[in-house]
């Protein structure tokens, strides 16, 4: 992995402070990955590093409140990651790595982007990732899982993403 232990631990320590502060303030923290060069090249080693980054984040965050969500890609730029096969491979492996860390990550909300930034390219991926776990698909494309009682609601929040059942929109 290109993420050495010292710098990754420093990052994770800082991330924990931010996530804790946000959860305590009744905000919804979203941890997201972005690496323009890795997305552009999308080499096998980049995919392995991506999955390793998510595994390390998930291990550290596994017991945090369900208000915390993971956005697997901030915004996919131009490059090889727009190839649905590469995107599906990276995403499938990252989801498996996150879920395998246990704790609340077994049911953590994961946010997926579309490899081509449109509903058509996302539709090539949705069936792979929506098997009974909370998934949020941005850009007006949503699936709703029956996990509300398990995931829980943040009461008193006007921005409660679990308060209504999202429906597909265009």
N, C-alpha and C. Protein backbone atom coordinates (compact mmCIF):
# COMPACT_ATOMS: atom_id res chain seq x y z
N UNK A 1 0.84 -1.19 0.00
CA UNK A 1 0.00 0.00 0.00
C UNK A 1 0.88 1.25 0.00
N UNK A 2 0.42 2.29 -0.67
CA UNK A 2 1.18 3.54 -0.66
C UNK A 2 0.88 4.37 0.58
N UNK A 3 -0.08 3.94 1.38
CA UNK A 3 -0.43 4.67 2.59
C UNK A 3 0.41 4.10 3.73
N UNK A 4 1.54 4.78 4.07
CA UNK A 4 2.38 4.27 5.13
C UNK A 4 1.67 4.40 6.47
N UNK A 5 2.07 3.58 7.40
CA UNK A 5 1.37 3.50 8.69
C UNK A 5 1.39 4.80 9.47
N UNK A 6 2.52 5.51 9.46
CA UNK A 6 2.63 6.75 10.24
C UNK A 6 1.68 7.81 9.70
N UNK A 7 1.72 8.09 8.41
CA UNK A 7 0.85 9.13 7.86
C UNK A 7 -0.62 8.72 7.91
N UNK A 8 -0.91 7.45 7.71
CA UNK A 8 -2.29 6.99 7.77
C UNK A 8 -2.83 7.09 9.20
N UNK A 9 -2.02 6.73 10.18
CA UNK A 9 -2.46 6.87 11.58
C UNK A 9 -2.67 8.32 11.96
N UNK A 10 -1.81 9.21 11.49
CA UNK A 10 -1.99 10.64 11.74
C UNK A 10 -3.31 11.11 11.13
N UNK A 11 -3.56 10.69 9.89
CA UNK A 11 -4.81 11.04 9.22
C UNK A 11 -6.02 10.49 9.99
N UNK A 12 -5.96 9.22 10.37
CA UNK A 12 -7.09 8.61 11.07
C UNK A 12 -7.34 9.24 12.44
N UNK A 13 -6.28 9.62 13.13
CA UNK A 13 -6.46 10.32 14.41
C UNK A 13 -7.19 11.63 14.21
N UNK A 14 -6.79 12.39 13.20
CA UNK A 14 -7.46 13.67 12.91
C UNK A 14 -8.89 13.43 12.45
N UNK A 15 -9.09 12.40 11.65
CA UNK A 15 -10.44 12.08 11.17
C UNK A 15 -11.36 11.74 12.33
N UNK A 16 -10.85 11.00 13.29
CA UNK A 16 -11.67 10.66 14.46
C UNK A 16 -12.12 11.89 15.23
N UNK A 17 -11.25 12.87 15.36
CA UNK A 17 -11.61 14.11 16.05
C UNK A 17 -12.77 14.79 15.31
N UNK A 18 -12.64 14.91 14.01
CA UNK A 18 -13.67 15.59 13.21
C UNK A 18 -14.99 14.82 13.27
N UNK A 19 -14.94 13.50 13.06
CA UNK A 19 -16.15 12.70 13.08
C UNK A 19 -16.82 12.76 14.45
N UNK A 20 -16.05 12.64 15.52
CA UNK A 20 -16.62 12.71 16.88
C UNK A 20 -17.28 14.06 17.12
N UNK A 21 -16.61 15.13 16.74
CA UNK A 21 -17.19 16.47 16.92
C UNK A 21 -18.49 16.62 16.15
N UNK A 22 -18.53 16.10 14.93
CA UNK A 22 -19.74 16.21 14.12
C UNK A 22 -20.89 15.39 14.70
N UNK A 23 -20.61 14.16 15.11
CA UNK A 23 -21.66 13.31 15.69
C UNK A 23 -22.17 13.96 16.98
N UNK A 24 -21.27 14.48 17.81
CA UNK A 24 -21.69 15.13 19.06
C UNK A 24 -22.53 16.37 18.80
N UNK A 25 -22.32 17.02 17.67
CA UNK A 25 -23.11 18.20 17.31
C UNK A 25 -24.38 17.81 16.54
N UNK A 26 -24.66 16.50 16.46
CA UNK A 26 -25.83 15.97 15.75
C UNK A 26 -25.80 16.28 14.25
N UNK A 27 -24.59 16.28 13.70
CA UNK A 27 -24.41 16.44 12.26
C UNK A 27 -24.14 15.07 11.65
N UNK A 28 -24.21 14.99 10.35
CA UNK A 28 -24.01 13.73 9.64
C UNK A 28 -22.67 13.74 8.92
N UNK A 29 -21.63 13.21 9.54
CA UNK A 29 -20.33 13.19 8.85
C UNK A 29 -20.31 12.20 7.70
N UNK A 30 -19.65 12.59 6.64
CA UNK A 30 -19.46 11.72 5.48
C UNK A 30 -17.97 11.69 5.19
N UNK A 31 -17.39 10.50 5.27
CA UNK A 31 -15.99 10.30 4.93
C UNK A 31 -15.94 9.91 3.46
N UNK A 32 -15.07 10.58 2.72
CA UNK A 32 -15.02 10.34 1.28
C UNK A 32 -13.58 10.18 0.82
N UNK A 33 -13.40 9.41 -0.24
CA UNK A 33 -12.08 9.18 -0.82
C UNK A 33 -11.99 9.95 -2.13
N UNK A 34 -10.85 10.60 -2.35
CA UNK A 34 -10.58 11.22 -3.65
C UNK A 34 -9.08 11.12 -3.91
N UNK A 35 -8.76 10.75 -5.13
CA UNK A 35 -7.36 10.65 -5.55
C UNK A 35 -7.37 10.74 -7.07
N UNK A 36 -7.22 11.94 -7.58
CA UNK A 36 -7.37 12.18 -9.03
C UNK A 36 -6.43 11.34 -9.87
N UNK A 37 -5.19 11.20 -9.46
CA UNK A 37 -4.24 10.43 -10.25
C UNK A 37 -4.62 8.95 -10.28
N UNK A 38 -5.00 8.40 -9.13
CA UNK A 38 -5.41 6.99 -9.07
C UNK A 38 -6.66 6.76 -9.91
N UNK A 39 -7.62 7.70 -9.85
CA UNK A 39 -8.83 7.56 -10.66
C UNK A 39 -8.52 7.62 -12.15
N UNK A 40 -7.61 8.48 -12.51
CA UNK A 40 -7.26 8.64 -13.92
C UNK A 40 -6.55 7.41 -14.46
N UNK A 41 -5.55 6.93 -13.72
CA UNK A 41 -4.79 5.76 -14.17
C UNK A 41 -5.56 4.46 -13.96
N UNK A 42 -6.17 4.35 -12.78
CA UNK A 42 -6.95 3.17 -12.39
C UNK A 42 -6.18 1.87 -12.65
N UNK A 43 -4.93 1.85 -12.23
CA UNK A 43 -4.12 0.64 -12.35
C UNK A 43 -4.52 -0.36 -11.27
N UNK A 44 -4.21 -1.63 -11.45
CA UNK A 44 -4.53 -2.60 -10.39
C UNK A 44 -3.96 -2.19 -9.03
N UNK A 45 -2.76 -1.64 -9.00
CA UNK A 45 -2.18 -1.20 -7.72
C UNK A 45 -2.99 -0.06 -7.11
N UNK A 46 -3.55 0.82 -7.96
CA UNK A 46 -4.40 1.90 -7.45
C UNK A 46 -5.66 1.33 -6.81
N UNK A 47 -6.23 0.33 -7.45
CA UNK A 47 -7.42 -0.33 -6.88
C UNK A 47 -7.11 -0.99 -5.56
N UNK A 48 -5.97 -1.65 -5.46
CA UNK A 48 -5.57 -2.28 -4.21
C UNK A 48 -5.37 -1.25 -3.11
N UNK A 49 -4.74 -0.12 -3.44
CA UNK A 49 -4.53 0.95 -2.46
C UNK A 49 -5.86 1.56 -2.02
N UNK A 50 -6.78 1.73 -2.96
CA UNK A 50 -8.11 2.25 -2.66
C UNK A 50 -8.83 1.35 -1.66
N UNK A 51 -8.84 0.07 -1.92
CA UNK A 51 -9.50 -0.89 -1.02
C UNK A 51 -8.81 -0.89 0.34
N UNK A 52 -7.49 -0.84 0.36
CA UNK A 52 -6.75 -0.81 1.63
C UNK A 52 -7.07 0.45 2.41
N UNK A 53 -7.18 1.60 1.72
CA UNK A 53 -7.53 2.86 2.40
C UNK A 53 -8.88 2.73 3.07
N UNK A 54 -9.87 2.21 2.34
CA UNK A 54 -11.20 2.05 2.92
C UNK A 54 -11.21 1.05 4.06
N UNK A 55 -10.44 -0.03 3.95
CA UNK A 55 -10.38 -1.00 5.03
C UNK A 55 -9.84 -0.35 6.30
N UNK A 56 -8.77 0.43 6.16
CA UNK A 56 -8.17 1.10 7.33
C UNK A 56 -9.13 2.13 7.95
N UNK A 57 -9.80 2.90 7.13
CA UNK A 57 -10.78 3.86 7.63
C UNK A 57 -11.91 3.12 8.34
N UNK A 58 -12.40 2.05 7.72
CA UNK A 58 -13.53 1.30 8.28
C UNK A 58 -13.16 0.66 9.62
N UNK A 59 -11.95 0.12 9.73
CA UNK A 59 -11.53 -0.46 11.00
C UNK A 59 -11.58 0.60 12.10
N UNK A 60 -11.05 1.78 11.82
CA UNK A 60 -11.01 2.85 12.82
C UNK A 60 -12.41 3.38 13.14
N UNK A 61 -13.30 3.38 12.17
CA UNK A 61 -14.62 3.99 12.35
C UNK A 61 -15.74 2.98 12.63
N UNK A 62 -15.41 1.71 12.78
CA UNK A 62 -16.44 0.67 12.83
C UNK A 62 -17.45 0.81 13.96
N UNK A 63 -17.10 1.46 15.04
CA UNK A 63 -18.03 1.57 16.17
C UNK A 63 -18.68 2.95 16.28
N UNK A 64 -18.46 3.79 15.29
CA UNK A 64 -19.06 5.13 15.34
C UNK A 64 -20.54 5.07 15.00
N UNK A 65 -21.24 6.09 15.48
CA UNK A 65 -22.67 6.26 15.26
C UNK A 65 -23.05 6.04 13.80
N UNK A 66 -24.27 5.54 13.60
CA UNK A 66 -24.77 5.32 12.24
C UNK A 66 -24.96 6.62 11.46
N UNK A 67 -24.86 7.76 12.13
CA UNK A 67 -24.93 9.04 11.41
C UNK A 67 -23.77 9.17 10.43
N UNK A 68 -22.68 8.48 10.71
CA UNK A 68 -21.51 8.49 9.83
C UNK A 68 -21.78 7.65 8.59
N UNK A 69 -21.48 8.22 7.42
CA UNK A 69 -21.62 7.49 6.16
C UNK A 69 -20.28 7.53 5.43
N UNK A 70 -20.10 6.57 4.54
CA UNK A 70 -18.90 6.52 3.71
C UNK A 70 -19.29 6.78 2.26
N UNK A 71 -18.68 7.78 1.65
CA UNK A 71 -18.87 8.09 0.24
C UNK A 71 -17.67 7.47 -0.49
N UNK A 72 -17.91 6.39 -1.21
CA UNK A 72 -16.80 5.62 -1.76
C UNK A 72 -15.97 6.39 -2.77
N UNK A 73 -16.57 7.30 -3.49
CA UNK A 73 -15.84 8.17 -4.42
C UNK A 73 -16.42 9.57 -4.28
N UNK A 74 -15.56 10.57 -4.09
CA UNK A 74 -16.06 11.94 -3.97
C UNK A 74 -16.75 12.35 -5.26
N UNK A 75 -16.03 12.31 -6.33
CA UNK A 75 -16.61 12.57 -7.65
C UNK A 75 -15.62 11.98 -8.65
N UNK A 76 -16.10 11.05 -9.41
CA UNK A 76 -15.21 10.38 -10.35
C UNK A 76 -14.90 11.32 -11.50
N UNK A 77 -13.61 11.57 -11.68
CA UNK A 77 -13.17 12.46 -12.74
C UNK A 77 -12.98 11.72 -14.05
N UNK A 78 -12.33 12.37 -14.96
CA UNK A 78 -12.04 11.72 -16.24
C UNK A 78 -10.95 10.68 -16.03
N UNK A 79 -10.98 9.65 -16.79
CA UNK A 79 -9.94 8.63 -16.69
C UNK A 79 -10.50 7.24 -16.72
N UNK A 80 -9.63 6.30 -16.42
CA UNK A 80 -9.96 4.89 -16.55
C UNK A 80 -10.98 4.38 -15.56
N UNK A 81 -11.15 5.07 -14.41
CA UNK A 81 -12.13 4.62 -13.43
C UNK A 81 -13.56 4.76 -13.94
N UNK A 82 -13.75 5.50 -14.99
CA UNK A 82 -15.08 5.60 -15.59
C UNK A 82 -15.49 4.32 -16.31
N UNK A 83 -14.53 3.43 -16.52
CA UNK A 83 -14.83 2.13 -17.11
C UNK A 83 -15.62 1.33 -16.07
N UNK A 84 -16.83 0.89 -16.44
CA UNK A 84 -17.72 0.23 -15.48
C UNK A 84 -17.09 -1.02 -14.88
N UNK A 85 -16.33 -1.77 -15.64
CA UNK A 85 -15.72 -2.99 -15.09
C UNK A 85 -14.71 -2.66 -14.00
N UNK A 86 -13.89 -1.64 -14.21
CA UNK A 86 -12.91 -1.24 -13.19
C UNK A 86 -13.64 -0.67 -11.98
N UNK A 87 -14.60 0.22 -12.21
CA UNK A 87 -15.39 0.80 -11.13
C UNK A 87 -16.06 -0.30 -10.30
N UNK A 88 -16.69 -1.26 -10.97
CA UNK A 88 -17.38 -2.34 -10.27
C UNK A 88 -16.40 -3.18 -9.45
N UNK A 89 -15.23 -3.44 -9.99
CA UNK A 89 -14.23 -4.21 -9.27
C UNK A 89 -13.80 -3.47 -8.01
N UNK A 90 -13.41 -2.22 -8.15
CA UNK A 90 -12.97 -1.44 -6.98
C UNK A 90 -14.08 -1.35 -5.95
N UNK A 91 -15.29 -1.04 -6.40
CA UNK A 91 -16.41 -0.82 -5.48
C UNK A 91 -16.80 -2.11 -4.78
N UNK A 92 -16.86 -3.20 -5.50
CA UNK A 92 -17.21 -4.49 -4.90
C UNK A 92 -16.20 -4.86 -3.82
N UNK A 93 -14.92 -4.70 -4.12
CA UNK A 93 -13.89 -5.04 -3.14
C UNK A 93 -13.91 -4.09 -1.94
N UNK A 94 -14.16 -2.80 -2.18
CA UNK A 94 -14.20 -1.84 -1.07
C UNK A 94 -15.39 -2.12 -0.16
N UNK A 95 -16.55 -2.39 -0.74
CA UNK A 95 -17.73 -2.71 0.07
C UNK A 95 -17.48 -3.95 0.92
N UNK A 96 -16.91 -4.99 0.32
CA UNK A 96 -16.61 -6.21 1.06
C UNK A 96 -15.62 -5.93 2.20
N UNK A 97 -14.60 -5.13 1.93
CA UNK A 97 -13.61 -4.79 2.96
C UNK A 97 -14.25 -4.01 4.10
N UNK A 98 -15.10 -3.05 3.76
CA UNK A 98 -15.78 -2.24 4.79
C UNK A 98 -16.70 -3.12 5.63
N UNK A 99 -17.56 -3.89 4.98
CA UNK A 99 -18.51 -4.73 5.71
C UNK A 99 -17.80 -5.76 6.59
N UNK A 100 -16.66 -6.27 6.14
CA UNK A 100 -15.93 -7.30 6.88
C UNK A 100 -15.31 -6.79 8.17
N UNK A 101 -15.19 -5.47 8.32
CA UNK A 101 -14.59 -4.93 9.54
C UNK A 101 -15.54 -5.03 10.73
N UNK A 102 -16.80 -5.32 10.47
CA UNK A 102 -17.76 -5.53 11.56
C UNK A 102 -18.21 -4.26 12.22
N UNK A 103 -18.62 -4.40 13.47
CA UNK A 103 -19.17 -3.26 14.19
C UNK A 103 -20.37 -2.69 13.43
N UNK A 104 -20.49 -1.40 13.46
CA UNK A 104 -21.60 -0.76 12.76
C UNK A 104 -21.39 -0.68 11.26
N UNK A 105 -20.19 -1.03 10.80
CA UNK A 105 -19.92 -1.02 9.36
C UNK A 105 -20.68 -2.11 8.63
N UNK A 106 -21.14 -3.11 9.36
CA UNK A 106 -21.93 -4.16 8.71
C UNK A 106 -23.21 -3.57 8.12
N UNK A 107 -23.69 -2.46 8.69
CA UNK A 107 -24.91 -1.81 8.20
C UNK A 107 -24.71 -0.32 7.91
N UNK A 108 -23.47 0.11 7.82
CA UNK A 108 -23.16 1.52 7.56
C UNK A 108 -23.73 1.94 6.22
N UNK A 109 -24.24 3.16 6.13
CA UNK A 109 -24.69 3.69 4.85
C UNK A 109 -23.47 4.00 3.99
N UNK A 110 -23.49 3.47 2.78
CA UNK A 110 -22.42 3.72 1.81
C UNK A 110 -23.02 4.53 0.67
N UNK A 111 -22.30 5.54 0.24
CA UNK A 111 -22.76 6.40 -0.85
C UNK A 111 -21.96 6.05 -2.09
N UNK A 112 -22.67 5.77 -3.17
CA UNK A 112 -22.02 5.39 -4.42
C UNK A 112 -22.26 6.45 -5.46
N UNK A 113 -21.26 6.71 -6.24
CA UNK A 113 -21.39 7.58 -7.40
C UNK A 113 -21.52 6.74 -8.65
N UNK A 114 -21.83 7.37 -9.73
CA UNK A 114 -21.92 6.66 -11.01
C UNK A 114 -20.61 6.82 -11.76
N UNK A 115 -20.10 5.74 -12.35
CA UNK A 115 -18.83 5.86 -13.06
C UNK A 115 -18.88 6.86 -14.20
N UNK A 116 -20.01 7.01 -14.83
CA UNK A 116 -20.15 7.97 -15.92
C UNK A 116 -20.91 9.21 -15.52
N UNK A 117 -21.17 9.35 -14.20
CA UNK A 117 -21.91 10.49 -13.66
C UNK A 117 -23.31 10.61 -14.23
N UNK A 118 -23.95 9.48 -14.50
CA UNK A 118 -25.33 9.50 -15.00
C UNK A 118 -26.03 8.22 -14.58
N UNK A 119 -27.35 8.24 -14.68
CA UNK A 119 -28.15 7.10 -14.26
C UNK A 119 -27.86 5.86 -15.10
N UNK A 120 -27.56 6.04 -16.37
CA UNK A 120 -27.30 4.88 -17.22
C UNK A 120 -26.08 4.11 -16.75
N UNK A 121 -25.00 4.81 -16.43
CA UNK A 121 -23.80 4.09 -16.00
C UNK A 121 -23.98 3.51 -14.60
N UNK A 122 -24.76 4.18 -13.76
CA UNK A 122 -25.01 3.65 -12.43
C UNK A 122 -25.88 2.40 -12.50
N UNK A 123 -26.79 2.35 -13.45
CA UNK A 123 -27.67 1.19 -13.55
C UNK A 123 -26.89 -0.08 -13.86
N UNK A 124 -25.69 0.05 -14.41
CA UNK A 124 -24.84 -1.12 -14.66
C UNK A 124 -24.25 -1.65 -13.36
N UNK A 125 -24.28 -0.84 -12.30
CA UNK A 125 -23.65 -1.21 -11.05
C UNK A 125 -24.63 -1.50 -9.92
N UNK A 126 -25.79 -0.87 -9.93
CA UNK A 126 -26.72 -0.97 -8.80
C UNK A 126 -26.97 -2.41 -8.34
N UNK A 127 -27.27 -3.36 -9.24
CA UNK A 127 -27.57 -4.71 -8.75
C UNK A 127 -26.43 -5.35 -7.96
N UNK A 128 -25.21 -4.94 -8.22
CA UNK A 128 -24.08 -5.51 -7.52
C UNK A 128 -23.99 -5.06 -6.07
N UNK A 129 -24.53 -3.89 -5.77
CA UNK A 129 -24.26 -3.27 -4.47
C UNK A 129 -25.47 -3.11 -3.56
N UNK A 130 -26.64 -3.48 -3.96
CA UNK A 130 -27.83 -3.19 -3.17
C UNK A 130 -28.46 -4.44 -2.59
N UNK A 131 -27.67 -5.33 -2.12
CA UNK A 131 -28.17 -6.59 -1.58
C UNK A 131 -28.39 -6.50 -0.07
N UNK A 132 -29.46 -5.82 0.35
CA UNK A 132 -29.86 -5.83 1.75
C UNK A 132 -29.07 -4.97 2.70
N UNK A 133 -28.27 -4.07 2.22
CA UNK A 133 -27.50 -3.18 3.09
C UNK A 133 -27.82 -1.74 2.69
N UNK A 134 -27.67 -0.80 3.65
CA UNK A 134 -27.98 0.60 3.33
C UNK A 134 -27.02 1.17 2.29
N UNK A 135 -27.58 1.66 1.22
CA UNK A 135 -26.82 2.29 0.14
C UNK A 135 -27.56 3.58 -0.22
N UNK A 136 -26.84 4.65 -0.41
CA UNK A 136 -27.44 5.88 -0.89
C UNK A 136 -26.78 6.23 -2.19
N UNK A 137 -27.59 6.47 -3.20
CA UNK A 137 -27.08 6.77 -4.52
C UNK A 137 -27.37 8.23 -4.83
N UNK A 138 -26.35 9.07 -4.93
CA UNK A 138 -26.59 10.50 -5.14
C UNK A 138 -27.13 10.80 -6.53
N UNK A 139 -27.30 12.07 -6.81
CA UNK A 139 -27.81 12.55 -8.09
C UNK A 139 -29.26 12.17 -8.32
N UNK A 140 -30.05 12.09 -7.24
CA UNK A 140 -31.48 11.84 -7.39
C UNK A 140 -31.83 10.40 -7.67
N UNK A 141 -30.90 9.48 -7.50
CA UNK A 141 -31.18 8.07 -7.71
C UNK A 141 -30.99 7.39 -6.37
N UNK A 142 -32.06 6.82 -5.81
CA UNK A 142 -31.99 6.30 -4.45
C UNK A 142 -32.52 4.87 -4.38
N UNK A 143 -32.02 4.14 -3.40
CA UNK A 143 -32.66 2.90 -2.98
C UNK A 143 -32.86 3.03 -1.49
N UNK A 144 -33.89 2.40 -0.98
CA UNK A 144 -34.16 2.48 0.45
C UNK A 144 -34.22 1.06 0.99
N UNK A 145 -33.45 0.81 2.00
CA UNK A 145 -33.44 -0.50 2.63
C UNK A 145 -34.28 -0.45 3.89
N UNK A 146 -34.75 -1.59 4.33
CA UNK A 146 -35.60 -1.63 5.51
C UNK A 146 -34.75 -1.70 6.78
N UNK A 147 -33.81 -0.80 6.89
CA UNK A 147 -32.88 -0.78 8.02
C UNK A 147 -33.14 0.40 8.95
N UNK A 148 -34.21 1.14 8.75
CA UNK A 148 -34.41 2.36 9.54
C UNK A 148 -34.39 2.06 11.03
N UNK A 149 -35.10 1.03 11.47
CA UNK A 149 -35.13 0.77 12.91
C UNK A 149 -33.77 0.35 13.43
N UNK A 150 -33.00 -0.38 12.63
CA UNK A 150 -31.68 -0.81 13.06
C UNK A 150 -30.68 0.34 12.98
N UNK A 151 -30.74 1.10 11.89
CA UNK A 151 -29.81 2.21 11.71
C UNK A 151 -30.15 3.34 12.66
N UNK A 152 -31.43 3.60 12.87
CA UNK A 152 -31.85 4.63 13.79
C UNK A 152 -31.99 5.98 13.13
N UNK A 153 -32.72 6.84 13.79
CA UNK A 153 -32.95 8.20 13.29
C UNK A 153 -32.32 9.20 14.21
N UNK A 154 -31.92 10.31 13.63
CA UNK A 154 -31.43 11.45 14.41
C UNK A 154 -32.64 12.33 14.64
N UNK A 155 -33.20 12.31 15.82
CA UNK A 155 -34.41 13.05 16.08
C UNK A 155 -34.17 14.55 16.09
N UNK A 156 -35.20 15.28 15.69
CA UNK A 156 -35.12 16.73 15.71
C UNK A 156 -34.34 17.33 14.58
N UNK A 157 -34.01 16.55 13.59
CA UNK A 157 -33.21 17.06 12.49
C UNK A 157 -34.07 17.28 11.26
N UNK A 158 -33.98 18.45 10.70
CA UNK A 158 -34.68 18.74 9.45
C UNK A 158 -34.05 18.00 8.29
N UNK A 159 -32.80 17.55 8.47
CA UNK A 159 -32.07 16.92 7.37
C UNK A 159 -31.90 15.43 7.60
N UNK A 160 -32.88 14.79 8.23
CA UNK A 160 -32.80 13.38 8.53
C UNK A 160 -32.92 12.56 7.25
N UNK A 161 -31.83 11.95 6.77
CA UNK A 161 -31.90 11.21 5.52
C UNK A 161 -32.70 9.93 5.64
N UNK A 162 -33.02 9.51 6.86
CA UNK A 162 -33.78 8.29 7.05
C UNK A 162 -35.24 8.56 7.38
N UNK A 163 -35.64 9.83 7.40
CA UNK A 163 -36.99 10.17 7.82
C UNK A 163 -38.05 9.85 6.78
N UNK A 164 -37.69 9.81 5.55
CA UNK A 164 -38.65 9.49 4.51
C UNK A 164 -38.09 8.39 3.63
N UNK A 165 -38.96 7.74 2.93
CA UNK A 165 -38.50 6.71 2.02
C UNK A 165 -38.23 7.34 0.67
N UNK A 166 -36.95 7.43 0.30
CA UNK A 166 -36.63 8.02 -1.01
C UNK A 166 -37.20 7.18 -2.13
N UNK A 167 -37.52 7.86 -3.20
CA UNK A 167 -38.00 7.19 -4.39
C UNK A 167 -37.13 7.58 -5.56
N UNK A 168 -37.18 6.78 -6.60
CA UNK A 168 -36.38 7.09 -7.77
C UNK A 168 -36.89 8.36 -8.43
N UNK A 169 -35.95 9.22 -8.78
CA UNK A 169 -36.28 10.45 -9.49
C UNK A 169 -35.29 10.61 -10.64
N UNK A 170 -35.57 11.54 -11.49
CA UNK A 170 -34.62 11.79 -12.58
C UNK A 170 -34.02 13.16 -12.45
